[in-house]
C-alpha atoms as a PDB file:
ATOM      1  CA  MET A   1      20.704  22.973  -6.961  1.00  0.00           C
ATOM      2  CA  HIS A   2      17.765  24.381  -5.042  1.00  0.00           C
ATOM      3  CA  ARG A   3      15.680  21.808  -3.175  1.00  0.00           C
ATOM      4  CA  SER A   4      12.470  22.633  -5.078  1.00  0.00           C
ATOM      5  CA  ALA A   5      14.284  22.123  -8.370  1.00  0.00           C
ATOM      6  CA  THR A   6      15.204  18.576  -7.367  1.00  0.00           C
ATOM      7  CA  ALA A   7      11.645  17.598  -6.442  1.00  0.00           C
ATOM      8  CA  LEU A   8      10.292  14.510  -8.121  1.00  0.00           C
ATOM      9  CA  THR A   9       8.381  15.094 -11.310  1.00  0.00           C
ATOM     10  CA  PRO A  10       5.012  13.387 -11.558  1.00  0.00           C
ATOM     11  CA  PRO A  11       4.984  10.073 -13.414  1.00  0.00           C
ATOM     12  CA  PRO A  12       3.505   9.856 -16.919  1.00  0.00           C
ATOM     13  CA  PRO A  13      -0.309   9.525 -16.894  1.00  0.00           C
ATOM     14  CA  LEU A  14      -0.379   5.860 -17.938  1.00  0.00           C
ATOM     15  CA  VAL A  15       2.132   4.936 -15.251  1.00  0.00           C
ATOM     16  CA  ALA A  16       0.136   6.850 -12.647  1.00  0.00           C
ATOM     17  CA  ILE A  17      -3.084   5.093 -13.684  1.00  0.00           C
ATOM     18  CA  ALA A  18      -1.432   1.672 -13.478  1.00  0.00           C
ATOM     19  CA  GLU A  19       0.095   2.513 -10.096  1.00  0.00           C
ATOM     20  CA  ARG A  20      -3.238   3.722  -8.718  1.00  0.00           C
ATOM     21  CA  ARG A  21      -4.835   0.479  -9.922  1.00  0.00           C
ATOM     22  CA  ARG A  22      -2.106  -1.487  -8.109  1.00  0.00           C
ATOM     23  CA  ILE A  23      -2.673   0.573  -4.957  1.00  0.00           C
ATOM     24  CA  GLY A  24      -6.388  -0.227  -5.168  1.00  0.00           C
ATOM     25  CA  GLU A  25      -5.641  -3.941  -5.471  1.00  0.00           C
ATOM     26  CA  MET A  26      -3.322  -3.807  -2.463  1.00  0.00           C
ATOM     27  CA  LEU A  27      -5.952  -1.929  -0.441  1.00  0.00           C
ATOM     28  CA  ARG A  28      -8.549  -4.597  -1.293  1.00  0.00           C
ATOM     29  CA  GLU A  29      -6.162  -7.421  -0.398  1.00  0.00           C
ATOM     30  CA  ARG A  30      -5.301  -5.725   2.889  1.00  0.00           C
ATOM     31  CA  ALA A  31      -9.001  -5.322   3.748  1.00  0.00           C
ATOM     32  CA  LEU A  32      -9.626  -9.023   3.059  1.00  0.00           C
ATOM     33  CA  LEU A  33      -6.649 -10.006   5.197  1.00  0.00           C
ATOM     34  CA  GLN A  34      -7.847  -7.782   8.031  1.00  0.00           C
ATOM     35  CA  ALA A  35     -11.245  -9.501   7.878  1.00  0.00           C
ATOM     36  CA  ASP A  36      -9.498 -12.899   7.937  1.00  0.00           C
ATOM     37  CA  LEU A  37      -7.468 -11.780  10.931  1.00  0.00           C
ATOM     38  CA  LEU A  38     -10.656 -11.312  12.937  1.00  0.00           C
ATOM     39  CA  ARG A  39     -11.626 -14.933  12.226  1.00  0.00           C
ATOM     40  CA  LEU A  40      -8.201 -16.342  13.124  1.00  0.00           C
ATOM     41  CA  VAL A  41      -8.523 -16.024  16.873  1.00  0.00           C
ATOM     42  CA  LEU A  42      -7.234 -19.483  17.775  1.00  0.00           C
ATOM     43  CA  ARG A  43      -4.628 -20.053  15.053  1.00  0.00           C
ATOM     44  CA  ARG A  44      -1.750 -17.966  16.351  1.00  0.00           C
ATOM     45  CA  CYS A  45       0.797 -18.947  13.667  1.00  0.00           C
ATOM     46  CA  ARG A  46      -1.505 -18.080  10.775  1.00  0.00           C
ATOM     47  CA  ARG A  47      -2.605 -14.928  12.549  1.00  0.00           C
ATOM     48  CA  VAL A  48       1.022 -13.740  12.829  1.00  0.00           C
ATOM     49  CA  GLU A  49       1.637 -14.468   9.126  1.00  0.00           C
ATOM     50  CA  THR A  50      -1.524 -12.594   8.152  1.00  0.00           C
ATOM     51  CA  GLN A  51      -0.551  -9.590  10.281  1.00  0.00           C
ATOM     52  CA  ARG A  52       2.912  -9.540   8.670  1.00  0.00           C
ATOM     53  CA  ARG A  53       1.329  -9.488   5.201  1.00  0.00           C
ATOM     54  CA  ILE A  54      -1.013  -6.664   6.239  1.00  0.00           C
ATOM     55  CA  ASP A  55       1.957  -4.666   7.533  1.00  0.00           C
ATOM     56  CA  GLN A  56       3.906  -5.324   4.321  1.00  0.00           C
ATOM     57  CA  LEU A  57       0.976  -4.210   2.156  1.00  0.00           C
ATOM     58  CA  THR A  58       0.566  -1.068   4.254  1.00  0.00           C
ATOM     59  CA  ARG A  59       4.227  -0.141   3.685  1.00  0.00           C
ATOM     60  CA  GLU A  60       3.979  -0.872  -0.065  1.00  0.00           C
ATOM     61  CA  ILE A  61       0.801   1.200  -0.381  1.00  0.00           C
ATOM     62  CA  LEU A  62       2.381   4.117   1.470  1.00  0.00           C
ATOM     63  CA  MET A  63       5.543   4.013  -0.667  1.00  0.00           C
ATOM     64  CA  ALA A  64       3.498   3.839  -3.885  1.00  0.00           C
ATOM     65  CA  GLU A  65       1.330   6.782  -2.831  1.00  0.00           C
ATOM     66  CA  ILE A  66       4.395   8.837  -1.908  1.00  0.00           C
ATOM     67  CA  ALA A  67       5.985   7.993  -5.268  1.00  0.00           C
ATOM     68  CA  LEU A  68       2.854   9.273  -7.009  1.00  0.00           C
ATOM     69  CA  GLY A  69       2.881  12.406  -4.881  1.00  0.00           C
ATOM     70  CA  GLY A  70      -0.723  11.826  -3.941  1.00  0.00           C
ATOM     71  CA  LYS A  71      -2.704  11.756  -0.743  1.00  0.00           C
ATOM     72  CA  HIS A  72      -2.189   8.905   1.666  1.00  0.00           C
ATOM     73  CA  THR A  73      -5.302   6.692   1.739  1.00  0.00           C
ATOM     74  CA  SER A  74      -3.818   4.007   3.941  1.00  0.00           C
END
């Protein structure tokens, strides 16, 4: 089968709307965590945990955006 014929089809509109909402929530959470990270100068352990969560959210956001076939906002 030709490569273009095997391309992913876009998700149904309601699924896409729900996924975009979830992406928005993850972006907001990541922004809050990044702000917290700036305040956590002395608490190394918590800072490392916060950075891990930010990295995880970034990967999840990117994968969700790719699945939707949209632009990458992260």
